[in-house]
PDB file of N, CA and C in Angstrom:
ATOM      1  N   MET A   1     -17.616 -23.877   0.213  1.00  0.00           N
ATOM      2  CA  MET A   1     -17.900 -23.116  -0.984  1.00  0.00           C
ATOM      3  C   MET A   1     -17.951 -21.621  -0.677  1.00  0.00           C
ATOM      4  N   LYS A   2     -18.613 -21.263   0.444  1.00  0.00           N
ATOM      5  CA  LYS A   2     -18.695 -19.850   0.812  1.00  0.00           C
ATOM      6  C   LYS A   2     -17.310 -19.282   1.095  1.00  0.00           C
ATOM      7  N   LEU A   3     -16.439 -20.074   1.713  1.00  0.00           N
ATOM      8  CA  LEU A   3     -15.084 -19.630   2.006  1.00  0.00           C
ATOM      9  C   LEU A   3     -14.317 -19.355   0.715  1.00  0.00           C
ATOM     10  N   LEU A   4     -14.466 -20.219  -0.251  1.00  0.00           N
ATOM     11  CA  LEU A   4     -13.798 -20.043  -1.534  1.00  0.00           C
ATOM     12  C   LEU A   4     -14.256 -18.758  -2.202  1.00  0.00           C
ATOM     13  N   ILE A   5     -15.535 -18.472  -2.163  1.00  0.00           N
ATOM     14  CA  ILE A   5     -16.060 -17.248  -2.761  1.00  0.00           C
ATOM     15  C   ILE A   5     -15.501 -16.026  -2.036  1.00  0.00           C
ATOM     16  N   LEU A   6     -15.450 -16.074  -0.716  1.00  0.00           N
ATOM     17  CA  LEU A   6     -14.904 -14.958   0.041  1.00  0.00           C
ATOM     18  C   LEU A   6     -13.434 -14.734  -0.279  1.00  0.00           C
ATOM     19  N   ILE A   7     -12.671 -15.798  -0.402  1.00  0.00           N
ATOM     20  CA  ILE A   7     -11.250 -15.680  -0.739  1.00  0.00           C
ATOM     21  C   ILE A   7     -11.095 -15.065  -2.128  1.00  0.00           C
ATOM     22  N   MET A   8     -11.909 -15.493  -3.077  1.00  0.00           N
ATOM     23  CA  MET A   8     -11.850 -14.955  -4.435  1.00  0.00           C
ATOM     24  C   MET A   8     -12.199 -13.469  -4.440  1.00  0.00           C
ATOM     25  N   LEU A   9     -13.220 -13.076  -3.694  1.00  0.00           N
ATOM     26  CA  LEU A   9     -13.601 -11.670  -3.625  1.00  0.00           C
ATOM     27  C   LEU A   9     -12.511 -10.833  -2.995  1.00  0.00           C
ATOM     28  N   PHE A  10     -11.927 -11.338  -1.904  1.00  0.00           N
ATOM     29  CA  PHE A  10     -10.866 -10.608  -1.239  1.00  0.00           C
ATOM     30  C   PHE A  10      -9.660 -10.455  -2.159  1.00  0.00           C
ATOM     31  N   SER A  11      -9.288 -11.515  -2.827  1.00  0.00           N
ATOM     32  CA  SER A  11      -8.117 -11.483  -3.702  1.00  0.00           C
ATOM     33  C   SER A  11      -8.303 -10.504  -4.846  1.00  0.00           C
ATOM     34  N   SER A  12      -9.464 -10.517  -5.468  1.00  0.00           N
ATOM     35  CA  SER A  12      -9.672  -9.634  -6.604  1.00  0.00           C
ATOM     36  C   SER A  12      -9.767  -8.184  -6.160  1.00  0.00           C
ATOM     37  N   ALA A  13     -10.310  -7.922  -4.973  1.00  0.00           N
ATOM     38  CA  ALA A  13     -10.415  -6.547  -4.491  1.00  0.00           C
ATOM     39  C   ALA A  13      -9.050  -6.014  -4.072  1.00  0.00           C
ATOM     40  N   ALA A  14      -8.246  -6.860  -3.452  1.00  0.00           N
ATOM     41  CA  ALA A  14      -6.957  -6.402  -2.940  1.00  0.00           C
ATOM     42  C   ALA A  14      -6.006  -6.013  -4.063  1.00  0.00           C
ATOM     43  N   PHE A  15      -6.006  -6.746  -5.153  1.00  0.00           N
ATOM     44  CA  PHE A  15      -5.069  -6.473  -6.230  1.00  0.00           C
ATOM     45  C   PHE A  15      -5.781  -6.099  -7.517  1.00  0.00           C
ATOM     46  N   ALA A  16      -6.840  -5.301  -7.382  1.00  0.00           N
ATOM     47  CA  ALA A  16      -7.592  -4.795  -8.520  1.00  0.00           C
ATOM     48  C   ALA A  16      -6.779  -3.692  -9.203  1.00  0.00           C
ATOM     49  N   ASP A  17      -7.354  -3.136 -10.253  1.00  0.00           N
ATOM     50  CA  ASP A  17      -6.727  -1.996 -10.918  1.00  0.00           C
ATOM     51  C   ASP A  17      -6.983  -0.747 -10.094  1.00  0.00           C
ATOM     52  N   TRP A  18      -5.937  -0.157  -9.587  1.00  0.00           N
ATOM     53  CA  TRP A  18      -6.043   1.033  -8.757  1.00  0.00           C
ATOM     54  C   TRP A  18      -5.696   2.260  -9.572  1.00  0.00           C
ATOM     55  N   LYS A  19      -6.441   3.359  -9.320  1.00  0.00           N
ATOM     56  CA  LYS A  19      -6.237   4.602 -10.064  1.00  0.00           C
ATOM     57  C   LYS A  19      -6.266   5.795  -9.119  1.00  0.00           C
ATOM     58  N   ILE A  20      -5.572   6.828  -9.537  1.00  0.00           N
ATOM     59  CA  ILE A  20      -5.690   8.139  -8.910  1.00  0.00           C
ATOM     60  C   ILE A  20      -6.217   9.036 -10.021  1.00  0.00           C
ATOM     61  N   GLY A  21      -7.481   9.406  -9.903  1.00  0.00           N
ATOM     62  CA  GLY A  21      -8.134  10.104 -11.005  1.00  0.00           C
ATOM     63  C   GLY A  21      -8.205   9.158 -12.192  1.00  0.00           C
ATOM     64  N   SER A  22      -7.645   9.576 -13.322  1.00  0.00           N
ATOM     65  CA  SER A  22      -7.635   8.699 -14.501  1.00  0.00           C
ATOM     66  C   SER A  22      -6.299   7.964 -14.659  1.00  0.00           C
ATOM     67  N   GLN A  23      -5.336   8.242 -13.778  1.00  0.00           N
ATOM     68  CA  GLN A  23      -4.018   7.606 -13.861  1.00  0.00           C
ATOM     69  C   GLN A  23      -4.052   6.213 -13.232  1.00  0.00           C
ATOM     70  N   LYS A  24      -3.788   5.197 -14.040  1.00  0.00           N
ATOM     71  CA  LYS A  24      -3.731   3.821 -13.544  1.00  0.00           C
ATOM     72  C   LYS A  24      -2.381   3.591 -12.877  1.00  0.00           C
ATOM     73  N   LEU A  25      -2.429   2.989 -11.687  1.00  0.00           N
ATOM     74  CA  LEU A  25      -1.200   2.673 -10.963  1.00  0.00           C
ATOM     75  C   LEU A  25      -0.699   1.291 -11.374  1.00  0.00           C
ATOM     76  N   GLU A  26       0.572   1.182 -11.637  1.00  0.00           N
ATOM     77  CA  GLU A  26       1.171  -0.095 -12.010  1.00  0.00           C
ATOM     78  C   GLU A  26       1.728  -0.738 -10.745  1.00  0.00           C
ATOM     79  N   LEU A  27       0.968  -1.671 -10.173  1.00  0.00           N
ATOM     80  CA  LEU A  27       1.314  -2.296  -8.901  1.00  0.00           C
ATOM     81  C   LEU A  27       1.405  -3.800  -9.027  1.00  0.00           C
ATOM     82  N   VAL A  28       2.192  -4.390  -8.158  1.00  0.00           N
ATOM     83  CA  VAL A  28       2.268  -5.845  -8.031  1.00  0.00           C
ATOM     84  C   VAL A  28       2.211  -6.193  -6.549  1.00  0.00           C
ATOM     85  N   GLN A  29       1.967  -7.436  -6.278  1.00  0.00           N
ATOM     86  CA  GLN A  29       1.937  -7.923  -4.901  1.00  0.00           C
ATOM     87  C   GLN A  29       3.364  -7.972  -4.358  1.00  0.00           C
ATOM     88  N   CYS A  30       3.539  -7.539  -3.112  1.00  0.00           N
ATOM     89  CA  CYS A  30       4.852  -7.632  -2.461  1.00  0.00           C
ATOM     90  C   CYS A  30       5.260  -9.100  -2.352  1.00  0.00           C
ATOM     91  N   SER A  31       6.535  -9.344  -2.244  1.00  0.00           N
ATOM     92  CA  SER A  31       7.027 -10.726  -2.204  1.00  0.00           C
ATOM     93  C   SER A  31       6.454 -11.523  -1.041  1.00  0.00           C
ATOM     94  N   ASN A  32       6.129 -10.855   0.073  1.00  0.00           N
ATOM     95  CA  ASN A  32       5.554 -11.587   1.205  1.00  0.00           C
ATOM     96  C   ASN A  32       4.031 -11.722   1.095  1.00  0.00           C
ATOM     97  N   GLY A  33       3.450 -11.133   0.070  1.00  0.00           N
ATOM     98  CA  GLY A  33       2.018 -11.265  -0.184  1.00  0.00           C
ATOM     99  C   GLY A  33       1.122 -10.379   0.646  1.00  0.00           C
ATOM    100  N   SER A  34       1.692  -9.505   1.472  1.00  0.00           N
ATOM    101  CA  SER A  34       0.848  -8.729   2.385  1.00  0.00           C
ATOM    102  C   SER A  34       0.640  -7.276   1.974  1.00  0.00           C
ATOM    103  N   CYS A  35       1.184  -6.867   0.845  1.00  0.00           N
ATOM    104  CA  CYS A  35       1.038  -5.464   0.449  1.00  0.00           C
ATOM    105  C   CYS A  35       1.169  -5.342  -1.071  1.00  0.00           C
ATOM    106  N   MET A  36       1.030  -4.121  -1.561  1.00  0.00           N
ATOM    107  CA  MET A  36       1.206  -3.819  -2.980  1.00  0.00           C
ATOM    108  C   MET A  36       2.334  -2.803  -3.123  1.00  0.00           C
ATOM    109  N   ILE A  37       3.084  -2.938  -4.214  1.00  0.00           N
ATOM    110  CA  ILE A  37       4.247  -2.083  -4.446  1.00  0.00           C
ATOM    111  C   ILE A  37       4.319  -1.749  -5.930  1.00  0.00           C
ATOM    112  N   SER A  38       5.007  -0.662  -6.275  1.00  0.00           N
ATOM    113  CA  SER A  38       5.184  -0.278  -7.672  1.00  0.00           C
ATOM    114  C   SER A  38       5.748  -1.440  -8.476  1.00  0.00           C
ATOM    115  N   LYS A  39       5.250  -1.593  -9.686  1.00  0.00           N
ATOM    116  CA  LYS A  39       5.612  -2.736 -10.526  1.00  0.00           C
ATOM    117  C   LYS A  39       7.103  -2.805 -10.839  1.00  0.00           C
ATOM    118  N   ASP A  40       7.686  -1.730 -11.299  1.00  0.00           N
ATOM    119  CA  ASP A  40       9.096  -1.727 -11.695  1.00  0.00           C
ATOM    120  C   ASP A  40       9.947  -1.167 -10.565  1.00  0.00           C
ATOM    121  N   CYS A  41      10.055  -1.938  -9.504  1.00  0.00           N
ATOM    122  CA  CYS A  41      10.692  -1.440  -8.289  1.00  0.00           C
ATOM    123  C   CYS A  41      11.795  -2.401  -7.851  1.00  0.00           C
ATOM    124  N   SER A  42      12.931  -2.361  -8.543  1.00  0.00           N
ATOM    125  CA  SER A  42      14.013  -3.277  -8.176  1.00  0.00           C
ATOM    126  C   SER A  42      14.959  -2.669  -7.139  1.00  0.00           C
ATOM    127  N   SER A  43      15.059  -1.348  -7.102  1.00  0.00           N
ATOM    128  CA  SER A  43      15.904  -0.702  -6.093  1.00  0.00           C
ATOM    129  C   SER A  43      15.285   0.615  -5.630  1.00  0.00           C
ATOM    130  N   CYS A  44      13.973   0.699  -5.656  1.00  0.00           N
ATOM    131  CA  CYS A  44      13.290   1.946  -5.303  1.00  0.00           C
ATOM    132  C   CYS A  44      13.162   2.119  -3.788  1.00  0.00           C
ATOM    133  N   LEU A  45      12.772   3.314  -3.375  1.00  0.00           N
ATOM    134  CA  LEU A  45      12.607   3.618  -1.953  1.00  0.00           C
ATOM    135  C   LEU A  45      11.485   2.792  -1.321  1.00  0.00           C
ATOM    136  N   ALA A  46      10.432   2.503  -2.086  1.00  0.00           N
ATOM    137  CA  ALA A  46       9.326   1.693  -1.555  1.00  0.00           C
ATOM    138  C   ALA A  46       9.808   0.289  -1.190  1.00  0.00           C
ATOM    139  N   LEU A  47      10.637  -0.295  -2.017  1.00  0.00           N
ATOM    140  CA  LEU A  47      11.168  -1.633  -1.736  1.00  0.00           C
ATOM    141  C   LEU A  47      12.025  -1.612  -0.473  1.00  0.00           C
ATOM    142  N   LYS A  48      12.880  -0.630  -0.353  1.00  0.00           N
ATOM    143  CA  LYS A  48      13.731  -0.523   0.838  1.00  0.00           C
ATOM    144  C   LYS A  48      12.880  -0.368   2.097  1.00  0.00           C
ATOM    145  N   ALA A  49      11.826   0.449   2.014  1.00  0.00           N
ATOM    146  CA  ALA A  49      10.942   0.651   3.169  1.00  0.00           C
ATOM    147  C   ALA A  49      10.208  -0.633   3.532  1.00  0.00           C
ATOM    148  N   SER A  50       9.802  -1.406   2.534  1.00  0.00           N
ATOM    149  CA  SER A  50       9.072  -2.650   2.810  1.00  0.00           C
ATOM    150  C   SER A  50       9.965  -3.700   3.464  1.00  0.00           C
ATOM    151  N   GLN A  51      11.250  -3.611   3.244  1.00  0.00           N
ATOM    152  CA  GLN A  51      12.199  -4.566   3.816  1.00  0.00           C
ATOM    153  C   GLN A  51      12.627  -4.193   5.230  1.00  0.00           C
ATOM    154  N   HIS A  52      12.342  -2.960   5.638  1.00  0.00           N
ATOM    155  CA  HIS A  52      12.729  -2.474   6.966  1.00  0.00           C
ATOM    156  C   HIS A  52      11.530  -1.785   7.612  1.00  0.00           C
ATOM    157  N   LYS A  53      10.509  -2.574   7.918  1.00  0.00           N
ATOM    158  CA  LYS A  53       9.287  -2.014   8.497  1.00  0.00           C
ATOM    159  C   LYS A  53       9.579  -1.374   9.848  1.00  0.00           C
ATOM    160  N   GLN A  54       8.891  -0.281  10.117  1.00  0.00           N
ATOM    161  CA  GLN A  54       9.025   0.432  11.380  1.00  0.00           C
ATOM    162  C   GLN A  54       8.016  -0.109  12.382  1.00  0.00           C
ATOM    163  N   LYS A  55       8.393  -0.129  13.636  1.00  0.00           N
ATOM    164  CA  LYS A  55       7.450  -0.493  14.685  1.00  0.00           C
ATOM    165  C   LYS A  55       6.552   0.712  14.925  1.00  0.00           C
ATOM    166  N   SER A  56       5.237   0.483  14.991  1.00  0.00           N
ATOM    167  CA  SER A  56       4.331   1.605  15.160  1.00  0.00           C
ATOM    168  C   SER A  56       3.058   1.179  15.850  1.00  0.00           C
ATOM    169  N   ASP A  57       2.539   2.058  16.674  1.00  0.00           N
ATOM    170  CA  ASP A  57       1.205   1.916  17.218  1.00  0.00           C
ATOM    171  C   ASP A  57       0.301   2.790  16.359  1.00  0.00           C
ATOM    172  N   VAL A  58      -0.942   2.892  16.732  1.00  0.00           N
ATOM    173  CA  VAL A  58      -1.857   3.750  15.989  1.00  0.00           C
ATOM    174  C   VAL A  58      -1.311   5.170  16.012  1.00  0.00           C
ATOM    175  N   GLY A  59      -1.382   5.819  14.871  1.00  0.00           N
ATOM    176  CA  GLY A  59      -0.846   7.168  14.743  1.00  0.00           C
ATOM    177  C   GLY A  59      -1.645   8.207  15.504  1.00  0.00           C
ATOM    178  N   PRO A  60      -1.206   9.453  15.450  1.00  0.00           N
ATOM    179  CA  PRO A  60      -1.888  10.516  16.185  1.00  0.00           C
ATOM    180  C   PRO A  60      -3.323  10.699  15.692  1.00  0.00           C
ATOM    181  N   GLY A  61      -4.242  10.859  16.631  1.00  0.00           N
ATOM    182  CA  GLY A  61      -5.642  11.069  16.262  1.00  0.00           C
ATOM    183  C   GLY A  61      -6.303   9.846  15.681  1.00  0.00           C
ATOM    184  N   GLY A  62      -5.722   8.678  15.908  1.00  0.00           N
ATOM    185  CA  GLY A  62      -6.312   7.445  15.399  1.00  0.00           C
ATOM    186  C   GLY A  62      -6.014   7.179  13.933  1.00  0.00           C
ATOM    187  N   THR A  63      -5.019   7.826  13.365  1.00  0.00           N
ATOM    188  CA  THR A  63      -4.689   7.607  11.957  1.00  0.00           C
ATOM    189  C   THR A  63      -4.105   6.215  11.750  1.00  0.00           C
ATOM    190  N   ASN A  64      -4.084   5.796  10.515  1.00  0.00           N
ATOM    191  CA  ASN A  64      -3.496   4.522  10.136  1.00  0.00           C
ATOM    192  C   ASN A  64      -2.017   4.540  10.527  1.00  0.00           C
ATOM    193  N   PRO A  65      -1.536   3.506  11.213  1.00  0.00           N
ATOM    194  CA  PRO A  65      -0.109   3.477  11.591  1.00  0.00           C
ATOM    195  C   PRO A  65       0.815   3.600  10.385  1.00  0.00           C
ATOM    196  N   GLY A  66       0.423   3.029   9.251  1.00  0.00           N
ATOM    197  CA  GLY A  66       1.240   3.143   8.044  1.00  0.00           C
ATOM    198  C   GLY A  66       1.348   4.581   7.566  1.00  0.00           C
ATOM    199  N   SER A  67       0.287   5.347   7.754  1.00  0.00           N
ATOM    200  CA  SER A  67       0.289   6.759   7.382  1.00  0.00           C
ATOM    201  C   SER A  67       1.288   7.528   8.232  1.00  0.00           C
ATOM    202  N   ALA A  68       1.296   7.238   9.533  1.00  0.00           N
ATOM    203  CA  ALA A  68       2.241   7.901  10.436  1.00  0.00           C
ATOM    204  C   ALA A  68       3.677   7.539  10.068  1.00  0.00           C
ATOM    205  N   VAL A  69       3.933   6.277   9.765  1.00  0.00           N
ATOM    206  CA  VAL A  69       5.285   5.844   9.372  1.00  0.00           C
ATOM    207  C   VAL A  69       5.695   6.512   8.061  1.00  0.00           C
ATOM    208  N   CYS A  70       4.779   6.575   7.119  1.00  0.00           N
ATOM    209  CA  CYS A  70       5.055   7.173   5.809  1.00  0.00           C
ATOM    210  C   CYS A  70       5.513   8.617   5.952  1.00  0.00           C
ATOM    211  N   THR A  71       4.750   9.386   6.697  1.00  0.00           N
ATOM    212  CA  THR A  71       5.062  10.811   6.804  1.00  0.00           C
ATOM    213  C   THR A  71       6.198  11.103   7.782  1.00  0.00           C
ATOM    214  N   LYS A  72       6.250  10.383   8.906  1.00  0.00           N
ATOM    215  CA  LYS A  72       7.245  10.673   9.940  1.00  0.00           C
ATOM    216  C   LYS A  72       8.631  10.123   9.603  1.00  0.00           C
ATOM    217  N   PHE A  73       8.703   8.836   9.260  1.00  0.00           N
ATOM    218  CA  PHE A  73      10.002   8.197   9.055  1.00  0.00           C
ATOM    219  C   PHE A  73      10.540   8.355   7.632  1.00  0.00           C
ATOM    220  N   HIS A  74       9.636   8.436   6.665  1.00  0.00           N
ATOM    221  CA  HIS A  74      10.081   8.471   5.271  1.00  0.00           C
ATOM    222  C   HIS A  74       9.915   9.844   4.622  1.00  0.00           C
ATOM    223  N   LYS A  75       9.303  10.772   5.352  1.00  0.00           N
ATOM    224  CA  LYS A  75       9.076  12.128   4.825  1.00  0.00           C
ATOM    225  C   LYS A  75       8.411  12.063   3.447  1.00  0.00           C
ATOM    226  N   ALA A  76       7.462  11.153   3.312  1.00  0.00           N
ATOM    227  CA  ALA A  76       6.759  10.927   2.053  1.00  0.00           C
ATOM    228  C   ALA A  76       5.293  11.338   2.216  1.00  0.00           C
ATOM    229  N   GLY A  77       4.526  11.228   1.159  1.00  0.00           N
ATOM    230  CA  GLY A  77       3.127  11.619   1.185  1.00  0.00           C
ATOM    231  C   GLY A  77       2.202  10.429   1.055  1.00  0.00           C
ATOM    232  N   VAL A  78       1.031  10.562   1.641  1.00  0.00           N
ATOM    233  CA  VAL A  78       0.013   9.522   1.558  1.00  0.00           C
ATOM    234  C   VAL A  78      -0.982   9.904   0.461  1.00  0.00           C
ATOM    235  N   ILE A  79      -1.283   8.953  -0.416  1.00  0.00           N
ATOM    236  CA  ILE A  79      -2.276   9.172  -1.462  1.00  0.00           C
ATOM    237  C   ILE A  79      -3.355   8.101  -1.344  1.00  0.00           C
ATOM    238  N   ILE A  80      -4.533   8.430  -1.800  1.00  0.00           N
ATOM    239  CA  ILE A  80      -5.660   7.500  -1.792  1.00  0.00           C
ATOM    240  C   ILE A  80      -5.993   7.139  -3.232  1.00  0.00           C
ATOM    241  N   ALA A  81      -6.030   5.856  -3.514  1.00  0.00           N
ATOM    242  CA  ALA A  81      -6.379   5.374  -4.850  1.00  0.00           C
ATOM    243  C   ALA A  81      -7.739   4.687  -4.786  1.00  0.00           C
ATOM    244  N   MET A  82      -8.406   4.607  -5.929  1.00  0.00           N
ATOM    245  CA  MET A  82      -9.725   3.992  -6.011  1.00  0.00           C
ATOM    246  C   MET A  82      -9.713   2.930  -7.109  1.00  0.00           C
ATOM    247  N   ASN A  83     -10.487   1.864  -6.887  1.00  0.00           N
ATOM    248  CA  ASN A  83     -10.617   0.852  -7.937  1.00  0.00           C
ATOM    249  C   ASN A  83     -11.966   1.016  -8.634  1.00  0.00           C
ATOM    250  N   ASP A  84     -12.206   0.222  -9.657  1.00  0.00           N
ATOM    251  CA  ASP A  84     -13.432   0.341 -10.451  1.00  0.00           C
ATOM    252  C   ASP A  84     -14.688   0.028  -9.656  1.00  0.00           C
ATOM    253  N   GLU A  85     -14.552  -0.713  -8.568  1.00  0.00           N
ATOM    254  CA  GLU A  85     -15.704  -1.064  -7.737  1.00  0.00           C
ATOM    255  C   GLU A  85     -15.993   0.002  -6.681  1.00  0.00           C
ATOM    256  N   GLY A  86     -15.186   1.064  -6.638  1.00  0.00           N
ATOM    257  CA  GLY A  86     -15.385   2.134  -5.669  1.00  0.00           C
ATOM    258  C   GLY A  86     -14.615   1.937  -4.374  1.00  0.00           C
ATOM    259  N   GLY A  87     -13.829   0.871  -4.287  1.00  0.00           N
ATOM    260  CA  GLY A  87     -13.008   0.643  -3.098  1.00  0.00           C
ATOM    261  C   GLY A  87     -11.827   1.592  -3.073  1.00  0.00           C
ATOM    262  N   THR A  88     -11.327   1.875  -1.890  1.00  0.00           N
ATOM    263  CA  THR A  88     -10.170   2.755  -1.760  1.00  0.00           C
ATOM    264  C   THR A  88      -9.034   2.044  -1.034  1.00  0.00           C
ATOM    265  N   ASN A  89      -7.834   2.507  -1.285  1.00  0.00           N
ATOM    266  CA  ASN A  89      -6.650   1.986  -0.622  1.00  0.00           C
ATOM    267  C   ASN A  89      -5.647   3.128  -0.517  1.00  0.00           C
ATOM    268  N   ALA A  90      -4.910   3.173   0.575  1.00  0.00           N
ATOM    269  CA  ALA A  90      -3.935   4.234   0.787  1.00  0.00           C
ATOM    270  C   ALA A  90      -2.528   3.722   0.494  1.00  0.00           C
ATOM    271  N   PHE A  91      -1.731   4.593  -0.107  1.00  0.00           N
ATOM    272  CA  PHE A  91      -0.360   4.275  -0.484  1.00  0.00           C
ATOM    273  C   PHE A  91       0.571   5.374  -0.017  1.00  0.00           C
ATOM    274  N   CYS A  92       1.797   4.985   0.251  1.00  0.00           N
ATOM    275  CA  CYS A  92       2.856   5.939   0.549  1.00  0.00           C
ATOM    276  C   CYS A  92       3.574   6.213  -0.776  1.00  0.00           C
ATOM    277  N   ARG A  93       3.652   7.498  -1.155  1.00  0.00           N
ATOM    278  CA  ARG A  93       4.366   7.876  -2.377  1.00  0.00           C
ATOM    279  C   ARG A  93       5.700   8.483  -1.965  1.00  0.00           C
ATOM    280  N   PHE A  94       6.768   7.803  -2.334  1.00  0.00           N
ATOM    281  CA  PHE A  94       8.116   8.218  -1.970  1.00  0.00           C
ATOM    282  C   PHE A  94       8.650   9.260  -2.951  1.00  0.00           C
ATOM    283  N   SER A  95       9.740   9.905  -2.588  1.00  0.00           N
ATOM    284  CA  SER A  95      10.289  10.994  -3.403  1.00  0.00           C
ATOM    285  C   SER A  95      10.719  10.544  -4.801  1.00  0.00           C
ATOM    286  N   ASP A  96      10.986   9.250  -4.975  1.00  0.00           N
ATOM    287  CA  ASP A  96      11.350   8.750  -6.305  1.00  0.00           C
ATOM    288  C   ASP A  96      10.114   8.354  -7.123  1.00  0.00           C
ATOM    289  N   GLY A  97       8.916   8.583  -6.569  1.00  0.00           N
ATOM    290  CA  GLY A  97       7.670   8.273  -7.270  1.00  0.00           C
ATOM    291  C   GLY A  97       7.155   6.869  -7.017  1.00  0.00           C
ATOM    292  N   SER A  98       7.930   6.029  -6.348  1.00  0.00           N
ATOM    293  CA  SER A  98       7.474   4.661  -6.089  1.00  0.00           C
ATOM    294  C   SER A  98       6.389   4.652  -5.022  1.00  0.00           C
ATOM    295  N   LEU A  99       5.558   3.602  -5.067  1.00  0.00           N
ATOM    296  CA  LEU A  99       4.411   3.476  -4.178  1.00  0.00           C
ATOM    297  C   LEU A  99       4.464   2.179  -3.393  1.00  0.00           C
ATOM    298  N   LEU A 100       3.968   2.234  -2.160  1.00  0.00           N
ATOM    299  CA  LEU A 100       3.843   1.056  -1.311  1.00  0.00           C
ATOM    300  C   LEU A 100       2.568   1.223  -0.506  1.00  0.00           C
ATOM    301  N   SER A 101       1.714   0.179  -0.506  1.00  0.00           N
ATOM    302  CA  SER A 101       0.514   0.271   0.320  1.00  0.00           C
ATOM    303  C   SER A 101       0.930   0.420   1.779  1.00  0.00           C
ATOM    304  N   LEU A 102       0.127   1.144   2.535  1.00  0.00           N
ATOM    305  CA  LEU A 102       0.522   1.489   3.910  1.00  0.00           C
ATOM    306  C   LEU A 102       0.775   0.282   4.788  1.00  0.00           C
ATOM    307  N   ASP A 103       0.097  -0.836   4.522  1.00  0.00           N
ATOM    308  CA  ASP A 103       0.302  -2.023   5.348  1.00  0.00           C
ATOM    309  C   ASP A 103       1.699  -2.628   5.154  1.00  0.00           C
ATOM    310  N   GLY A 104       2.422  -2.195   4.155  1.00  0.00           N
ATOM    311  CA  GLY A 104       3.772  -2.686   3.931  1.00  0.00           C
ATOM    312  C   GLY A 104       4.846  -1.898   4.651  1.00  0.00           C
ATOM    313  N   LEU A 105       4.438  -0.907   5.461  1.00  0.00           N
ATOM    314  CA  LEU A 105       5.401  -0.012   6.100  1.00  0.00           C
ATOM    315  C   LEU A 105       5.658  -0.260   7.567  1.00  0.00           C
ATOM    316  N   TRP A 106       4.770  -0.947   8.245  1.00  0.00           N
ATOM    317  CA  TRP A 106       4.878  -1.000   9.704  1.00  0.00           C
ATOM    318  C   TRP A 106       4.532  -2.381  10.251  1.00  0.00           C
ATOM    319  N   HIS A 107       4.891  -2.579  11.500  1.00  0.00           N
ATOM    320  CA  HIS A 107       4.503  -3.781  12.257  1.00  0.00           C
ATOM    321  C   HIS A 107       4.258  -3.356  13.684  1.00  0.00           C
ATOM    322  N   TRP A 108       3.584  -4.202  14.472  1.00  0.00           N
ATOM    323  CA  TRP A 108       3.301  -3.887  15.882  1.00  0.00           C
ATOM    324  C   TRP A 108       4.547  -4.032  16.696  1.00  0.00           C
TER     325      TRP A 108
END
């Protein structure tokens, strides 16, 4: 029972309504279930990046490896979004405006 509750909490937190200020982000779960991506992303830069993850270790100064991949390989910006519960999540914002959570950008 405790495991079920933990899974439910994790699931709802991971794919909650994310916002930057008052702007609600339109996100869906990536096809592999391990990240979030812009909702209307059939040929966007975020989708292409998620299909060709970069190999990365921890970034400079202990930064998130996804952050290093976002800025170094994709020349994109990292943004921080917040949900209604006060949780935060980082996303890579590509030049076409599409978003991908940082965990969708890299692998060990």
